[in-house]
Amino acid sequence: MVEPMLTHNRFAERLRADDAVLAIVDGQTGLLSMATATDALRNNLIGLARLGHAFGLPTVLGVCADAARGSLLTELIDLFGQKAVSRRRKGGFWDDPASRDAVLSRGRHHLIVASLAPGFGVAPTALAARADGLDVHVVLDASAGSGDSAERIGLARMTAAGIHLTSWVAVLAELGATGMDNWGGNGTAAVRDNLDRYAALR
């Protein structure tokens, strides 16, 4: 009996810190204030950012100049500094050439993305990045959703496109299983306060 030849599927690989880039899109105060479950959402977004920092993930902080969206969350600046910020005047994150290049120039195959853009704005970014050949992991509990049919449509489109829908704690577990973090295996300590509050807010 001839054994079938197995083809390597990069899109089935587990997340690894040495092959992933993190994009936090429009993590801005005005957008956070308009979201539902604000405390839980902020907690999850900062937890994701802290584990990205702990594992040394190249990180892009997308910011839209629209005044109504507010300023970038101070915790994100404290973690990554201004060098991580990619500013655009309008439009979507992936539609902006500089923002898109800030991710693609890292040369990594996996994109971990969260977004506070209204109307479940993470879906356009995720779908466009997937079309550009990236294996995309959308962190749902660190992203704002519209809570209506737009959210359901976004989820359906992402699932159909082969995008991974996940949580920030699941990302932490996967990165922890595939490599050491930059803090000597102590990345969990960096997000312990978030984990405690995550459990309380569930």
C-alpha atoms as a PDB file:
ATOM      1  CA  MET A   1       0.000   0.000   0.000  1.00  0.00           C
ATOM      2  CA  VAL A   2       1.379   3.372  -0.987  1.00  0.00           C
ATOM      3  CA  GLU A   3       1.349   5.909   1.824  1.00  0.00           C
ATOM      4  CA  PRO A   4      -0.193   9.265   0.840  1.00  0.00           C
ATOM      5  CA  MET A   5       2.296  12.087   0.514  1.00  0.00           C
ATOM      6  CA  LEU A   6       1.780  14.686   3.229  1.00  0.00           C
ATOM      7  CA  THR A   7       2.028  18.317   2.191  1.00  0.00           C
ATOM      8  CA  HIS A   8       3.224  20.834   4.753  1.00  0.00           C
ATOM      9  CA  ASN A   9       0.545  23.391   5.529  1.00  0.00           C
ATOM     10  CA  ARG A  10       2.024  26.557   7.011  1.00  0.00           C
ATOM     11  CA  PHE A  11      -1.452  27.793   7.906  1.00  0.00           C
ATOM     12  CA  ALA A  12      -1.855  24.873  10.330  1.00  0.00           C
ATOM     13  CA  GLU A  13       1.324  25.727  12.251  1.00  0.00           C
ATOM     14  CA  ARG A  14       1.117  26.746  15.879  1.00  0.00           C
ATOM     15  CA  LEU A  15       1.994  30.260  16.897  1.00  0.00           C
ATOM     16  CA  ARG A  16       5.673  30.848  17.593  1.00  0.00           C
ATOM     17  CA  ALA A  17       7.138  34.039  18.983  1.00  0.00           C
ATOM     18  CA  ASP A  18       9.935  33.970  16.408  1.00  0.00           C
ATOM     19  CA  ASP A  19       7.497  33.939  13.472  1.00  0.00           C
ATOM     20  CA  ALA A  20       4.681  36.231  14.652  1.00  0.00           C
ATOM     21  CA  VAL A  21       3.991  39.949  14.601  1.00  0.00           C
ATOM     22  CA  LEU A  22       1.401  41.726  16.760  1.00  0.00           C
ATOM     23  CA  ALA A  23      -0.820  44.531  15.465  1.00  0.00           C
ATOM     24  CA  ILE A  24      -3.043  46.479  17.845  1.00  0.00           C
ATOM     25  CA  VAL A  25      -5.267  48.607  15.652  1.00  0.00           C
ATOM     26  CA  ASP A  26      -6.794  51.826  16.949  1.00  0.00           C
ATOM     27  CA  GLY A  27      -6.286  51.118  20.634  1.00  0.00           C
ATOM     28  CA  GLN A  28      -7.547  54.629  21.347  1.00  0.00           C
ATOM     29  CA  THR A  29      -9.395  56.108  24.308  1.00  0.00           C
ATOM     30  CA  GLY A  30     -12.392  57.419  22.373  1.00  0.00           C
ATOM     31  CA  LEU A  31     -13.089  54.056  20.760  1.00  0.00           C
ATOM     32  CA  LEU A  32     -12.700  52.222  24.055  1.00  0.00           C
ATOM     33  CA  SER A  33     -15.236  54.519  25.716  1.00  0.00           C
ATOM     34  CA  MET A  34     -17.820  53.655  23.052  1.00  0.00           C
ATOM     35  CA  ALA A  35     -17.394  49.903  23.413  1.00  0.00           C
ATOM     36  CA  THR A  36     -19.464  47.562  25.541  1.00  0.00           C
ATOM     37  CA  ALA A  37     -17.926  45.858  28.604  1.00  0.00           C
ATOM     38  CA  THR A  38     -15.227  48.525  28.661  1.00  0.00           C
ATOM     39  CA  ASP A  39     -13.343  47.224  31.717  1.00  0.00           C
ATOM     40  CA  ALA A  40     -13.080  43.674  30.390  1.00  0.00           C
ATOM     41  CA  LEU A  41     -12.119  44.847  26.904  1.00  0.00           C
ATOM     42  CA  ARG A  42      -9.380  47.146  28.196  1.00  0.00           C
ATOM     43  CA  ASN A  43      -8.093  44.407  30.491  1.00  0.00           C
ATOM     44  CA  ASN A  44      -7.903  41.908  27.644  1.00  0.00           C
ATOM     45  CA  LEU A  45      -6.258  44.351  25.249  1.00  0.00           C
ATOM     46  CA  ILE A  46      -3.570  45.308  27.766  1.00  0.00           C
ATOM     47  CA  GLY A  47      -3.081  41.639  28.631  1.00  0.00           C
ATOM     48  CA  LEU A  48      -2.449  40.900  24.958  1.00  0.00           C
ATOM     49  CA  ALA A  49      -0.020  43.816  24.724  1.00  0.00           C
ATOM     50  CA  ARG A  50       1.886  42.676  27.807  1.00  0.00           C
ATOM     51  CA  LEU A  51       2.333  39.150  26.549  1.00  0.00           C
ATOM     52  CA  GLY A  52       3.467  40.542  23.185  1.00  0.00           C
ATOM     53  CA  HIS A  53       6.081  42.547  25.039  1.00  0.00           C
ATOM     54  CA  ALA A  54       7.066  39.589  27.205  1.00  0.00           C
ATOM     55  CA  PHE A  55       7.667  37.363  24.182  1.00  0.00           C
ATOM     56  CA  GLY A  56       9.431  40.081  22.212  1.00  0.00           C
ATOM     57  CA  LEU A  57       6.904  40.158  19.367  1.00  0.00           C
ATOM     58  CA  PRO A  58       7.473  42.925  16.827  1.00  0.00           C
ATOM     59  CA  THR A  59       4.481  45.159  17.471  1.00  0.00           C
ATOM     60  CA  VAL A  60       2.677  47.761  15.387  1.00  0.00           C
ATOM     61  CA  LEU A  61       0.303  50.201  17.070  1.00  0.00           C
ATOM     62  CA  GLY A  62      -2.082  51.487  14.422  1.00  0.00           C
ATOM     63  CA  VAL A  63      -3.554  54.930  15.118  1.00  0.00           C
ATOM     64  CA  CYS A  64      -6.112  56.905  13.141  1.00  0.00           C
ATOM     65  CA  ALA A  65      -5.823  60.695  13.344  1.00  0.00           C
ATOM     66  CA  ASP A  66      -9.599  61.183  13.649  1.00  0.00           C
ATOM     67  CA  ALA A  67      -9.965  63.305  16.802  1.00  0.00           C
ATOM     68  CA  ALA A  68     -13.112  61.460  17.854  1.00  0.00           C
ATOM     69  CA  ARG A  69     -11.083  58.281  18.282  1.00  0.00           C
ATOM     70  CA  GLY A  70      -8.994  59.847  21.023  1.00  0.00           C
ATOM     71  CA  SER A  71      -5.393  59.280  22.017  1.00  0.00           C
ATOM     72  CA  LEU A  72      -3.538  55.991  22.104  1.00  0.00           C
ATOM     73  CA  LEU A  73      -3.880  54.162  25.421  1.00  0.00           C
ATOM     74  CA  THR A  74      -0.982  55.169  27.660  1.00  0.00           C
ATOM     75  CA  GLU A  75      -0.270  51.554  28.626  1.00  0.00           C
ATOM     76  CA  LEU A  76       0.543  50.760  24.993  1.00  0.00           C
ATOM     77  CA  ILE A  77       2.972  53.666  24.704  1.00  0.00           C
ATOM     78  CA  ASP A  78       4.584  52.680  27.997  1.00  0.00           C
ATOM     79  CA  LEU A  79       5.178  49.157  26.694  1.00  0.00           C
ATOM     80  CA  PHE A  80       6.309  49.808  23.131  1.00  0.00           C
ATOM     81  CA  GLY A  81       7.174  53.497  22.797  1.00  0.00           C
ATOM     82  CA  GLN A  82       6.478  55.862  19.926  1.00  0.00           C
ATOM     83  CA  LYS A  83       8.633  53.830  17.546  1.00  0.00           C
ATOM     84  CA  ALA A  84       5.874  51.207  17.351  1.00  0.00           C
ATOM     85  CA  VAL A  85       3.192  53.725  16.327  1.00  0.00           C
ATOM     86  CA  SER A  86       1.945  53.789  12.744  1.00  0.00           C
ATOM     87  CA  ARG A  87      -0.274  56.837  12.150  1.00  0.00           C
ATOM     88  CA  ARG A  88      -2.688  57.265   9.281  1.00  0.00           C
ATOM     89  CA  ARG A  89      -5.001  60.137   8.442  1.00  0.00           C
ATOM     90  CA  LYS A  90      -8.072  58.102   7.495  1.00  0.00           C
ATOM     91  CA  GLY A  91      -9.306  54.765   6.238  1.00  0.00           C
ATOM     92  CA  GLY A  92      -8.595  51.252   7.392  1.00  0.00           C
ATOM     93  CA  PHE A  93      -5.321  50.037   8.861  1.00  0.00           C
ATOM     94  CA  TRP A  94      -4.466  47.637   6.016  1.00  0.00           C
ATOM     95  CA  ASP A  95      -5.530  50.175   3.386  1.00  0.00           C
ATOM     96  CA  ASP A  96      -2.772  52.506   4.573  1.00  0.00           C
ATOM     97  CA  PRO A  97       0.479  51.580   2.768  1.00  0.00           C
ATOM     98  CA  ALA A  98       2.735  52.600   5.662  1.00  0.00           C
ATOM     99  CA  SER A  99       0.727  50.602   8.214  1.00  0.00           C
ATOM    100  CA  ARG A 100       0.583  47.556   5.961  1.00  0.00           C
ATOM    101  CA  ASP A 101       4.306  47.744   5.289  1.00  0.00           C
ATOM    102  CA  ALA A 102       5.029  48.098   9.010  1.00  0.00           C
ATOM    103  CA  VAL A 103       3.635  44.567   9.402  1.00  0.00           C
ATOM    104  CA  LEU A 104       4.877  42.941   6.193  1.00  0.00           C
ATOM    105  CA  SER A 105       8.400  44.340   6.519  1.00  0.00           C
ATOM    106  CA  ARG A 106       8.923  42.140   9.582  1.00  0.00           C
ATOM    107  CA  GLY A 107       9.031  39.119   7.285  1.00  0.00           C
ATOM    108  CA  ARG A 108       6.935  36.986   9.619  1.00  0.00           C
ATOM    109  CA  HIS A 109       4.185  34.600   8.600  1.00  0.00           C
ATOM    110  CA  HIS A 110       1.737  34.889  11.514  1.00  0.00           C
ATOM    111  CA  LEU A 111      -0.199  38.048  12.340  1.00  0.00           C
ATOM    112  CA  ILE A 112      -1.850  38.398  15.745  1.00  0.00           C
ATOM    113  CA  VAL A 113      -4.340  41.254  15.563  1.00  0.00           C
ATOM    114  CA  ALA A 114      -6.800  43.056  17.820  1.00  0.00           C
ATOM    115  CA  SER A 115      -8.758  46.207  17.054  1.00  0.00           C
ATOM    116  CA  LEU A 116     -11.003  48.725  18.796  1.00  0.00           C
ATOM    117  CA  ALA A 117     -12.293  50.124  15.500  1.00  0.00           C
ATOM    118  CA  PRO A 118     -16.116  50.388  15.502  1.00  0.00           C
ATOM    119  CA  GLY A 119     -18.405  48.064  13.587  1.00  0.00           C
ATOM    120  CA  PHE A 120     -16.152  45.041  14.201  1.00  0.00           C
ATOM    121  CA  GLY A 121     -13.379  46.745  12.284  1.00  0.00           C
ATOM    122  CA  VAL A 122     -10.945  43.903  12.906  1.00  0.00           C
ATOM    123  CA  ALA A 123     -12.525  41.869  10.081  1.00  0.00           C
ATOM    124  CA  PRO A 124     -11.381  44.076   7.144  1.00  0.00           C
ATOM    125  CA  THR A 125      -7.820  44.099   8.475  1.00  0.00           C
ATOM    126  CA  ALA A 126      -7.795  40.349   9.069  1.00  0.00           C
ATOM    127  CA  LEU A 127      -9.283  39.500   5.680  1.00  0.00           C
ATOM    128  CA  ALA A 128      -6.909  41.802   3.796  1.00  0.00           C
ATOM    129  CA  ALA A 129      -3.878  40.457   5.652  1.00  0.00           C
ATOM    130  CA  ARG A 130      -5.003  36.889   4.917  1.00  0.00           C
ATOM    131  CA  ALA A 131      -5.322  37.780   1.234  1.00  0.00           C
ATOM    132  CA  ASP A 132      -1.708  38.976   1.379  1.00  0.00           C
ATOM    133  CA  GLY A 133      -0.636  35.515   2.525  1.00  0.00           C
ATOM    134  CA  LEU A 134      -0.404  35.902   6.289  1.00  0.00           C
ATOM    135  CA  ASP A 135      -1.748  33.353   8.743  1.00  0.00           C
ATOM    136  CA  VAL A 136      -4.033  35.590  10.804  1.00  0.00           C
ATOM    137  CA  HIS A 137      -5.068  35.141  14.443  1.00  0.00           C
ATOM    138  CA  VAL A 138      -7.838  37.524  15.556  1.00  0.00           C
ATOM    139  CA  VAL A 139      -8.000  38.053  19.310  1.00  0.00           C
ATOM    140  CA  LEU A 140     -11.740  38.442  19.713  1.00  0.00           C
ATOM    141  CA  ASP A 141     -11.899  39.270  23.420  1.00  0.00           C
ATOM    142  CA  ALA A 142      -9.396  42.108  22.898  1.00  0.00           C
ATOM    143  CA  SER A 143     -11.364  43.542  19.973  1.00  0.00           C
ATOM    144  CA  ALA A 144     -14.481  45.713  19.922  1.00  0.00           C
ATOM    145  CA  GLY A 145     -17.572  44.278  18.256  1.00  0.00           C
ATOM    146  CA  SER A 146     -20.715  46.020  17.160  1.00  0.00           C
ATOM    147  CA  GLY A 147     -22.948  43.495  18.905  1.00  0.00           C
ATOM    148  CA  ASP A 148     -25.306  43.220  15.929  1.00  0.00           C
ATOM    149  CA  SER A 149     -25.498  41.617  12.501  1.00  0.00           C
ATOM    150  CA  ALA A 150     -22.263  43.319  11.405  1.00  0.00           C
ATOM    151  CA  GLU A 151     -20.373  41.335  14.019  1.00  0.00           C
ATOM    152  CA  ARG A 152     -21.945  38.051  12.964  1.00  0.00           C
ATOM    153  CA  ILE A 153     -21.165  38.765   9.325  1.00  0.00           C
ATOM    154  CA  GLY A 154     -17.578  39.636  10.195  1.00  0.00           C
ATOM    155  CA  LEU A 155     -17.135  36.416  12.154  1.00  0.00           C
ATOM    156  CA  ALA A 156     -18.616  34.342   9.340  1.00  0.00           C
ATOM    157  CA  ARG A 157     -16.395  35.941   6.703  1.00  0.00           C
ATOM    158  CA  MET A 158     -13.255  35.450   8.789  1.00  0.00           C
ATOM    159  CA  THR A 159     -14.089  31.823   9.537  1.00  0.00           C
ATOM    160  CA  ALA A 160     -14.725  31.129   5.853  1.00  0.00           C
ATOM    161  CA  ALA A 161     -11.355  32.685   4.978  1.00  0.00           C
ATOM    162  CA  GLY A 162      -9.477  30.370   7.345  1.00  0.00           C
ATOM    163  CA  ILE A 163      -8.693  33.036   9.939  1.00  0.00           C
ATOM    164  CA  HIS A 164      -8.082  31.805  13.487  1.00  0.00           C
ATOM    165  CA  LEU A 165     -10.490  33.259  16.064  1.00  0.00           C
ATOM    166  CA  THR A 166      -8.923  33.174  19.495  1.00  0.00           C
ATOM    167  CA  SER A 167      -8.566  34.852  22.912  1.00  0.00           C
ATOM    168  CA  TRP A 168      -5.572  36.584  24.449  1.00  0.00           C
ATOM    169  CA  VAL A 169      -5.210  33.849  27.078  1.00  0.00           C
ATOM    170  CA  ALA A 170      -5.173  31.211  24.320  1.00  0.00           C
ATOM    171  CA  VAL A 171      -2.435  33.192  22.538  1.00  0.00           C
ATOM    172  CA  LEU A 172      -0.452  33.254  25.783  1.00  0.00           C
ATOM    173  CA  ALA A 173      -0.816  29.485  26.164  1.00  0.00           C
ATOM    174  CA  GLU A 174       0.252  28.810  22.588  1.00  0.00           C
ATOM    175  CA  LEU A 175       3.281  31.095  22.690  1.00  0.00           C
ATOM    176  CA  GLY A 176       4.266  29.616  26.038  1.00  0.00           C
ATOM    177  CA  ALA A 177       4.107  26.094  24.608  1.00  0.00           C
ATOM    178  CA  THR A 178       6.297  26.860  21.601  1.00  0.00           C
ATOM    179  CA  GLY A 179       9.073  29.011  23.034  1.00  0.00           C
ATOM    180  CA  MET A 180      10.596  30.921  25.905  1.00  0.00           C
ATOM    181  CA  ASP A 181       9.731  34.516  26.515  1.00  0.00           C
ATOM    182  CA  ASN A 182      12.252  37.331  26.772  1.00  0.00           C
ATOM    183  CA  TRP A 183      11.867  37.511  30.522  1.00  0.00           C
ATOM    184  CA  GLY A 184      13.406  34.133  31.235  1.00  0.00           C
ATOM    185  CA  GLY A 185      10.190  32.143  31.233  1.00  0.00           C
ATOM    186  CA  ASN A 186       8.517  34.703  33.483  1.00  0.00           C
ATOM    187  CA  GLY A 187       6.089  36.178  30.980  1.00  0.00           C
ATOM    188  CA  THR A 188       3.117  34.889  32.936  1.00  0.00           C
ATOM    189  CA  ALA A 189       4.142  37.080  35.862  1.00  0.00           C
ATOM    190  CA  ALA A 190       3.883  40.106  33.587  1.00  0.00           C
ATOM    191  CA  VAL A 191       0.203  39.415  32.954  1.00  0.00           C
ATOM    192  CA  ARG A 192      -0.785  37.857  36.284  1.00  0.00           C
ATOM    193  CA  ASP A 193      -2.899  40.828  37.300  1.00  0.00           C
ATOM    194  CA  ASN A 194      -4.716  40.647  33.986  1.00  0.00           C
ATOM    195  CA  LEU A 195      -5.312  36.926  34.381  1.00  0.00           C
ATOM    196  CA  ASP A 196      -6.866  37.480  37.820  1.00  0.00           C
ATOM    197  CA  ARG A 197      -9.168  40.196  36.515  1.00  0.00           C
ATOM    198  CA  TYR A 198      -9.928  38.161  33.395  1.00  0.00           C
ATOM    199  CA  ALA A 199     -11.261  35.341  35.567  1.00  0.00           C
ATOM    200  CA  ALA A 200     -13.299  37.775  37.652  1.00  0.00           C
ATOM    201  CA  LEU A 201     -14.861  39.414  34.609  1.00  0.00           C
ATOM    202  CA  ARG A 202     -15.810  36.233  32.780  1.00  0.00           C
END
